[in-house]
Amino acid sequence: MTMDPIGIVFKELMGKTTDLIKQKLGSSEKLVSFLIKEGFDKPKDDFNVLYIHTLVTCKLNGAADPVLNIFRDKDVISAFEKAFQENDLQIYKNRLIKTVEQSKYGDEVKLSKADIKEEGEKFFNTFEKRSPAHHVSKNPTSC
């Protein structure tokens, strides 16, 4: 039996590339939006994937773009993850308020008259509903 070194290398690279492509596509808001609209809405149990799915769900349900831009902020995402892990929504709300005060999107949020604390709570509750590690929220309102 002869070995085809190029075939072996190609097969190995394709396996690794396929995993990377699946990972990147799973965190694409446009792809997730398409999948949700087509009824394929079963995200895997991964914080980043669930967060993207929650962003898309809120967008599809009418959340204002300035609010979504605040939710995309890396510090907001970090605070959200900590708040979710500790089941302490206040960590997240405090970060939202600070980000609205300091972010370039803050003025847009204020002009939209969106209540960032209320929107943040809806986002949190929507995420909770999607998460297999479902926490019990005090307010059932979601996106």
N, C-alpha and C. Protein backbone atom coordinates (compact mmCIF):
# COMPACT_ATOMS: atom_id res chain seq x y z
N MET A 1 0.84 -1.17 0.00
CA MET A 1 0.00 0.00 0.00
C MET A 1 0.90 1.24 0.00
N THR A 2 0.63 2.17 -0.93
CA THR A 2 1.42 3.39 -0.98
C THR A 2 0.70 4.49 -0.24
N MET A 3 1.49 5.31 0.40
CA MET A 3 0.93 6.42 1.16
C MET A 3 0.96 7.67 0.30
N ASP A 4 -0.08 8.40 0.34
CA ASP A 4 -0.17 9.66 -0.38
C ASP A 4 0.02 10.79 0.63
N PRO A 5 1.25 11.29 0.80
CA PRO A 5 1.48 12.30 1.83
C PRO A 5 0.66 13.57 1.62
N ILE A 6 0.45 13.96 0.38
CA ILE A 6 -0.35 15.16 0.13
C ILE A 6 -1.80 14.91 0.56
N GLY A 7 -2.31 13.73 0.25
CA GLY A 7 -3.68 13.39 0.66
C GLY A 7 -3.83 13.36 2.16
N ILE A 8 -2.83 12.81 2.85
CA ILE A 8 -2.87 12.74 4.32
C ILE A 8 -2.85 14.15 4.91
N VAL A 9 -1.96 15.00 4.39
CA VAL A 9 -1.87 16.39 4.88
C VAL A 9 -3.18 17.13 4.60
N PHE A 10 -3.70 16.96 3.38
CA PHE A 10 -4.95 17.62 3.00
C PHE A 10 -6.09 17.19 3.92
N LYS A 11 -6.20 15.90 4.16
CA LYS A 11 -7.27 15.38 5.02
C LYS A 11 -7.15 15.95 6.44
N GLU A 12 -5.93 16.01 6.96
CA GLU A 12 -5.70 16.55 8.31
C GLU A 12 -6.07 18.03 8.37
N LEU A 13 -5.64 18.80 7.36
CA LEU A 13 -5.96 20.23 7.34
C LEU A 13 -7.44 20.47 7.19
N MET A 14 -8.10 19.68 6.39
CA MET A 14 -9.55 19.85 6.19
C MET A 14 -10.31 19.59 7.49
N GLY A 15 -9.88 18.59 8.24
CA GLY A 15 -10.54 18.32 9.51
C GLY A 15 -10.43 19.50 10.46
N LYS A 16 -9.24 20.07 10.56
CA LYS A 16 -9.03 21.21 11.45
C LYS A 16 -9.73 22.45 10.92
N THR A 17 -9.69 22.63 9.61
CA THR A 17 -10.33 23.79 8.99
C THR A 17 -11.84 23.72 9.14
N THR A 18 -12.39 22.54 8.98
CA THR A 18 -13.84 22.37 9.12
C THR A 18 -14.30 22.78 10.51
N ASP A 19 -13.57 22.37 11.54
CA ASP A 19 -13.93 22.76 12.91
C ASP A 19 -13.85 24.27 13.09
N LEU A 20 -12.81 24.89 12.54
CA LEU A 20 -12.65 26.34 12.66
C LEU A 20 -13.77 27.07 11.93
N ILE A 21 -14.10 26.60 10.73
CA ILE A 21 -15.19 27.22 9.96
C ILE A 21 -16.51 27.10 10.72
N LYS A 22 -16.81 25.93 11.26
CA LYS A 22 -18.05 25.74 12.02
C LYS A 22 -18.08 26.68 13.22
N GLN A 23 -16.94 26.84 13.89
CA GLN A 23 -16.88 27.72 15.06
C GLN A 23 -17.15 29.17 14.65
N LYS A 24 -16.51 29.62 13.57
CA LYS A 24 -16.67 31.00 13.12
C LYS A 24 -18.10 31.25 12.63
N LEU A 25 -18.64 30.31 11.87
CA LEU A 25 -20.00 30.48 11.37
C LEU A 25 -21.02 30.49 12.50
N GLY A 26 -20.78 29.72 13.53
CA GLY A 26 -21.69 29.66 14.67
C GLY A 26 -21.77 30.95 15.43
N SER A 27 -20.78 31.84 15.25
CA SER A 27 -20.80 33.12 15.96
C SER A 27 -21.08 34.28 15.00
N SER A 28 -21.59 34.00 13.82
CA SER A 28 -21.95 35.02 12.85
C SER A 28 -23.41 35.41 13.04
N GLU A 29 -23.65 36.68 13.34
CA GLU A 29 -25.02 37.14 13.56
C GLU A 29 -25.89 36.95 12.32
N LYS A 30 -25.33 37.18 11.14
CA LYS A 30 -26.11 37.02 9.91
C LYS A 30 -26.52 35.57 9.70
N LEU A 31 -25.58 34.66 9.91
CA LEU A 31 -25.91 33.24 9.74
C LEU A 31 -26.92 32.79 10.79
N VAL A 32 -26.69 33.18 12.02
CA VAL A 32 -27.61 32.79 13.10
C VAL A 32 -29.01 33.34 12.81
N SER A 33 -29.09 34.57 12.32
CA SER A 33 -30.38 35.16 11.96
C SER A 33 -31.07 34.32 10.89
N PHE A 34 -30.33 33.93 9.88
CA PHE A 34 -30.88 33.08 8.82
C PHE A 34 -31.39 31.75 9.40
N LEU A 35 -30.57 31.12 10.23
CA LEU A 35 -30.95 29.83 10.80
C LEU A 35 -32.20 29.92 11.67
N ILE A 36 -32.30 30.99 12.45
CA ILE A 36 -33.47 31.18 13.30
C ILE A 36 -34.72 31.36 12.43
N LYS A 37 -34.60 32.18 11.39
CA LYS A 37 -35.74 32.42 10.50
C LYS A 37 -36.18 31.13 9.80
N GLU A 38 -35.23 30.23 9.55
CA GLU A 38 -35.54 28.98 8.86
C GLU A 38 -35.92 27.84 9.83
N GLY A 39 -35.96 28.15 11.12
CA GLY A 39 -36.41 27.17 12.10
C GLY A 39 -35.31 26.29 12.67
N PHE A 40 -34.05 26.60 12.39
CA PHE A 40 -32.93 25.84 12.96
C PHE A 40 -32.37 26.62 14.13
N ASP A 41 -33.02 26.50 15.26
CA ASP A 41 -32.67 27.34 16.41
C ASP A 41 -32.28 26.50 17.61
N LYS A 42 -31.27 25.68 17.47
CA LYS A 42 -30.80 24.84 18.57
C LYS A 42 -29.30 25.12 18.80
N PRO A 43 -28.98 26.25 19.44
CA PRO A 43 -27.57 26.55 19.65
C PRO A 43 -26.92 25.59 20.63
N LYS A 44 -25.62 25.38 20.45
CA LYS A 44 -24.92 24.51 21.39
C LYS A 44 -24.70 25.24 22.70
N ASP A 45 -24.37 24.48 23.72
CA ASP A 45 -24.19 25.03 25.06
C ASP A 45 -22.80 25.64 25.17
N ASP A 46 -22.67 26.83 24.61
CA ASP A 46 -21.42 27.57 24.61
C ASP A 46 -21.79 29.04 24.83
N PHE A 47 -21.16 29.68 25.79
CA PHE A 47 -21.55 31.04 26.15
C PHE A 47 -21.58 31.97 24.94
N ASN A 48 -20.50 31.99 24.15
CA ASN A 48 -20.41 32.91 23.02
C ASN A 48 -21.51 32.65 21.98
N VAL A 49 -21.76 31.39 21.70
CA VAL A 49 -22.80 31.04 20.73
C VAL A 49 -24.17 31.44 21.26
N LEU A 50 -24.44 31.17 22.52
CA LEU A 50 -25.72 31.54 23.12
C LEU A 50 -25.90 33.06 23.14
N TYR A 51 -24.80 33.78 23.39
CA TYR A 51 -24.87 35.24 23.43
C TYR A 51 -25.24 35.78 22.05
N ILE A 52 -24.59 35.26 21.00
CA ILE A 52 -24.90 35.69 19.63
C ILE A 52 -26.36 35.36 19.29
N HIS A 53 -26.80 34.16 19.65
CA HIS A 53 -28.20 33.79 19.40
C HIS A 53 -29.15 34.73 20.12
N THR A 54 -28.81 35.15 21.31
CA THR A 54 -29.65 36.07 22.06
C THR A 54 -29.67 37.44 21.38
N LEU A 55 -28.51 37.91 20.92
CA LEU A 55 -28.46 39.18 20.18
C LEU A 55 -29.40 39.13 18.97
N VAL A 56 -29.29 38.06 18.22
CA VAL A 56 -30.10 37.93 17.00
C VAL A 56 -31.59 37.85 17.36
N THR A 57 -31.92 37.08 18.38
CA THR A 57 -33.32 36.96 18.79
C THR A 57 -33.88 38.32 19.17
N CYS A 58 -33.11 39.08 19.93
CA CYS A 58 -33.58 40.41 20.34
C CYS A 58 -33.72 41.34 19.13
N LYS A 59 -32.77 41.24 18.20
CA LYS A 59 -32.86 42.06 16.98
C LYS A 59 -34.11 41.68 16.18
N LEU A 60 -34.35 40.40 16.01
CA LEU A 60 -35.52 39.95 15.26
C LEU A 60 -36.83 40.35 15.94
N ASN A 61 -36.77 40.54 17.26
CA ASN A 61 -37.96 40.94 18.02
C ASN A 61 -38.05 42.45 18.22
N GLY A 62 -37.23 43.20 17.48
CA GLY A 62 -37.39 44.64 17.44
C GLY A 62 -36.51 45.47 18.35
N ALA A 63 -35.50 44.90 18.97
CA ALA A 63 -34.61 45.72 19.81
C ALA A 63 -33.90 46.76 18.93
N ALA A 64 -33.76 47.96 19.46
CA ALA A 64 -33.13 49.05 18.71
C ALA A 64 -31.64 48.79 18.49
N ASP A 65 -31.15 49.18 17.32
CA ASP A 65 -29.73 48.96 17.00
C ASP A 65 -28.78 49.59 18.01
N PRO A 66 -29.04 50.81 18.50
CA PRO A 66 -28.13 51.37 19.51
C PRO A 66 -28.03 50.51 20.77
N VAL A 67 -29.14 49.93 21.17
CA VAL A 67 -29.14 49.05 22.34
C VAL A 67 -28.32 47.79 22.04
N LEU A 68 -28.53 47.22 20.86
CA LEU A 68 -27.76 46.03 20.47
C LEU A 68 -26.27 46.33 20.39
N ASN A 69 -25.93 47.54 19.95
CA ASN A 69 -24.51 47.92 19.90
C ASN A 69 -23.91 47.96 21.30
N ILE A 70 -24.68 48.39 22.28
CA ILE A 70 -24.20 48.37 23.67
C ILE A 70 -23.99 46.92 24.11
N PHE A 71 -24.91 46.03 23.75
CA PHE A 71 -24.79 44.62 24.11
C PHE A 71 -23.58 43.96 23.45
N ARG A 72 -23.09 44.52 22.35
CA ARG A 72 -21.93 43.97 21.65
C ARG A 72 -20.59 44.42 22.26
N ASP A 73 -20.64 45.40 23.14
CA ASP A 73 -19.42 45.93 23.77
C ASP A 73 -18.73 44.83 24.59
N LYS A 74 -17.41 44.70 24.43
CA LYS A 74 -16.68 43.60 25.09
C LYS A 74 -16.77 43.67 26.62
N ASP A 75 -16.78 44.87 27.18
CA ASP A 75 -16.91 44.99 28.64
C ASP A 75 -18.32 44.59 29.11
N VAL A 76 -19.31 44.89 28.30
CA VAL A 76 -20.68 44.50 28.63
C VAL A 76 -20.80 42.98 28.57
N ILE A 77 -20.21 42.39 27.55
CA ILE A 77 -20.25 40.93 27.42
C ILE A 77 -19.57 40.26 28.62
N SER A 78 -18.43 40.79 29.03
CA SER A 78 -17.73 40.24 30.20
C SER A 78 -18.56 40.36 31.46
N ALA A 79 -19.18 41.54 31.64
CA ALA A 79 -20.03 41.74 32.82
C ALA A 79 -21.24 40.83 32.77
N PHE A 80 -21.78 40.65 31.59
CA PHE A 80 -22.93 39.77 31.43
C PHE A 80 -22.57 38.35 31.83
N GLU A 81 -21.44 37.87 31.34
CA GLU A 81 -21.02 36.50 31.66
C GLU A 81 -20.84 36.32 33.16
N LYS A 82 -20.21 37.30 33.80
CA LYS A 82 -20.01 37.23 35.25
C LYS A 82 -21.36 37.27 35.98
N ALA A 83 -22.24 38.15 35.55
CA ALA A 83 -23.57 38.26 36.17
C ALA A 83 -24.34 36.95 36.02
N PHE A 84 -24.23 36.34 34.85
CA PHE A 84 -24.95 35.09 34.61
C PHE A 84 -24.38 33.97 35.48
N GLN A 85 -23.06 33.89 35.55
CA GLN A 85 -22.43 32.84 36.36
C GLN A 85 -22.76 33.00 37.84
N GLU A 86 -22.82 34.24 38.29
CA GLU A 86 -23.08 34.50 39.71
C GLU A 86 -24.56 34.74 40.00
N ASN A 87 -25.38 34.69 38.96
CA ASN A 87 -26.81 34.93 39.07
C ASN A 87 -27.08 36.26 39.79
N ASP A 88 -26.36 37.30 39.35
CA ASP A 88 -26.46 38.63 39.94
C ASP A 88 -26.61 39.66 38.82
N LEU A 89 -27.83 39.95 38.47
CA LEU A 89 -28.14 40.85 37.36
C LEU A 89 -27.58 42.26 37.58
N GLN A 90 -27.38 42.65 38.82
CA GLN A 90 -26.91 44.01 39.11
C GLN A 90 -25.52 44.27 38.53
N ILE A 91 -24.66 43.27 38.49
CA ILE A 91 -23.32 43.42 37.88
C ILE A 91 -23.48 43.89 36.44
N TYR A 92 -24.38 43.25 35.73
CA TYR A 92 -24.64 43.55 34.33
C TYR A 92 -25.28 44.92 34.16
N LYS A 93 -26.29 45.23 34.97
CA LYS A 93 -26.97 46.52 34.87
C LYS A 93 -26.01 47.68 35.11
N ASN A 94 -25.13 47.53 36.11
CA ASN A 94 -24.15 48.58 36.40
C ASN A 94 -23.24 48.82 35.19
N ARG A 95 -22.81 47.74 34.55
CA ARG A 95 -21.93 47.87 33.38
C ARG A 95 -22.68 48.51 32.22
N LEU A 96 -23.95 48.15 32.05
CA LEU A 96 -24.74 48.76 30.98
C LEU A 96 -24.82 50.27 31.15
N ILE A 97 -25.13 50.70 32.36
CA ILE A 97 -25.26 52.14 32.64
C ILE A 97 -23.94 52.84 32.37
N LYS A 98 -22.85 52.26 32.85
CA LYS A 98 -21.53 52.86 32.65
C LYS A 98 -21.19 52.93 31.16
N THR A 99 -21.51 51.90 30.42
CA THR A 99 -21.21 51.87 28.99
C THR A 99 -22.04 52.90 28.24
N VAL A 100 -23.30 53.06 28.60
CA VAL A 100 -24.13 54.08 27.97
C VAL A 100 -23.55 55.47 28.25
N GLU A 101 -23.05 55.68 29.44
CA GLU A 101 -22.46 56.97 29.80
C GLU A 101 -21.16 57.23 29.06
N GLN A 102 -20.39 56.18 28.75
CA GLN A 102 -19.05 56.36 28.20
C GLN A 102 -18.91 56.00 26.72
N SER A 103 -19.85 55.27 26.18
CA SER A 103 -19.72 54.73 24.83
C SER A 103 -20.17 55.73 23.77
N LYS A 104 -19.63 55.58 22.58
CA LYS A 104 -20.08 56.41 21.46
C LYS A 104 -21.54 56.10 21.10
N TYR A 105 -22.03 54.91 21.51
CA TYR A 105 -23.42 54.54 21.25
C TYR A 105 -24.37 55.04 22.33
N GLY A 106 -23.82 55.55 23.41
CA GLY A 106 -24.65 55.99 24.52
C GLY A 106 -25.63 57.09 24.14
N ASP A 107 -25.17 58.05 23.34
CA ASP A 107 -26.05 59.13 22.92
C ASP A 107 -27.19 58.59 22.05
N GLU A 108 -26.86 57.60 21.20
CA GLU A 108 -27.90 57.00 20.36
C GLU A 108 -28.94 56.26 21.21
N VAL A 109 -28.48 55.61 22.26
CA VAL A 109 -29.42 54.92 23.16
C VAL A 109 -30.33 55.95 23.83
N LYS A 110 -29.73 57.04 24.29
CA LYS A 110 -30.54 58.08 24.94
C LYS A 110 -31.55 58.69 23.97
N LEU A 111 -31.12 58.94 22.72
CA LEU A 111 -32.03 59.50 21.72
C LEU A 111 -33.17 58.53 21.37
N SER A 112 -32.89 57.25 21.44
CA SER A 112 -33.91 56.24 21.12
C SER A 112 -34.94 56.11 22.25
N LYS A 113 -34.64 56.75 23.37
CA LYS A 113 -35.50 56.70 24.56
C LYS A 113 -35.65 55.29 25.13
N ALA A 114 -34.72 54.41 24.78
CA ALA A 114 -34.74 53.05 25.32
C ALA A 114 -34.28 53.07 26.77
N ASP A 115 -34.93 52.29 27.59
CA ASP A 115 -34.52 52.13 28.98
C ASP A 115 -33.50 50.99 29.01
N ILE A 116 -32.22 51.35 29.13
CA ILE A 116 -31.16 50.35 28.99
C ILE A 116 -31.23 49.28 30.08
N LYS A 117 -31.68 49.65 31.27
CA LYS A 117 -31.82 48.63 32.33
C LYS A 117 -32.91 47.63 31.98
N GLU A 118 -34.02 48.13 31.47
CA GLU A 118 -35.12 47.25 31.07
C GLU A 118 -34.70 46.37 29.88
N GLU A 119 -34.06 46.99 28.91
CA GLU A 119 -33.59 46.22 27.74
C GLU A 119 -32.55 45.17 28.15
N GLY A 120 -31.69 45.55 29.08
CA GLY A 120 -30.69 44.61 29.58
C GLY A 120 -31.31 43.43 30.29
N GLU A 121 -32.36 43.71 31.05
CA GLU A 121 -33.07 42.64 31.75
C GLU A 121 -33.76 41.69 30.76
N LYS A 122 -34.36 42.25 29.71
CA LYS A 122 -34.97 41.41 28.67
C LYS A 122 -33.92 40.52 28.02
N PHE A 123 -32.77 41.13 27.73
CA PHE A 123 -31.69 40.37 27.10
C PHE A 123 -31.23 39.23 28.02
N PHE A 124 -31.04 39.55 29.27
CA PHE A 124 -30.61 38.56 30.26
C PHE A 124 -31.60 37.41 30.33
N ASN A 125 -32.89 37.74 30.39
CA ASN A 125 -33.93 36.72 30.49
C ASN A 125 -34.02 35.86 29.23
N THR A 126 -33.81 36.48 28.07
CA THR A 126 -33.81 35.73 26.82
C THR A 126 -32.64 34.76 26.80
N PHE A 127 -31.49 35.21 27.25
CA PHE A 127 -30.31 34.34 27.33
C PHE A 127 -30.58 33.17 28.27
N GLU A 128 -31.15 33.49 29.42
CA GLU A 128 -31.47 32.45 30.40
C GLU A 128 -32.34 31.35 29.81
N LYS A 129 -33.34 31.75 29.06
CA LYS A 129 -34.26 30.77 28.47
C LYS A 129 -33.55 29.85 27.48
N ARG A 130 -32.51 30.35 26.82
CA ARG A 130 -31.77 29.56 25.83
C ARG A 130 -30.73 28.65 26.48
N SER A 131 -30.30 29.00 27.67
CA SER A 131 -29.19 28.30 28.31
C SER A 131 -29.64 27.01 28.98
N PRO A 132 -28.91 25.91 28.73
CA PRO A 132 -29.20 24.67 29.45
C PRO A 132 -28.99 24.83 30.96
N ALA A 133 -28.09 25.74 31.33
CA ALA A 133 -27.84 26.02 32.75
C ALA A 133 -28.81 27.11 33.18
N HIS A 134 -30.09 26.90 32.93
CA HIS A 134 -31.15 27.88 33.13
C HIS A 134 -31.23 28.30 34.60
N HIS A 135 -31.12 29.60 34.82
CA HIS A 135 -31.28 30.16 36.16
C HIS A 135 -32.71 30.65 36.30
N VAL A 136 -33.15 30.82 37.50
CA VAL A 136 -34.49 31.32 37.73
C VAL A 136 -34.42 32.84 37.87
N SER A 137 -35.11 33.51 36.97
CA SER A 137 -35.11 34.97 36.96
C SER A 137 -36.32 35.50 37.74
N LYS A 138 -36.15 36.69 38.31
CA LYS A 138 -37.25 37.29 39.05
C LYS A 138 -38.23 37.96 38.10
N ASN A 139 -37.80 38.30 36.90
CA ASN A 139 -38.66 38.99 35.94
C ASN A 139 -38.69 38.20 34.64
N PRO A 140 -39.84 37.67 34.25
CA PRO A 140 -39.93 36.82 33.08
C PRO A 140 -39.91 37.55 31.73
N THR A 141 -39.85 38.90 31.71
CA THR A 141 -39.85 39.64 30.47
C THR A 141 -38.60 39.31 29.66
N SER A 142 -38.79 39.03 28.36
CA SER A 142 -37.65 38.74 27.49
C SER A 142 -37.87 39.38 26.13
N CYS A 143 -36.85 39.33 25.29
CA CYS A 143 -36.92 39.90 23.93
C CYS A 143 -37.93 39.13 23.12
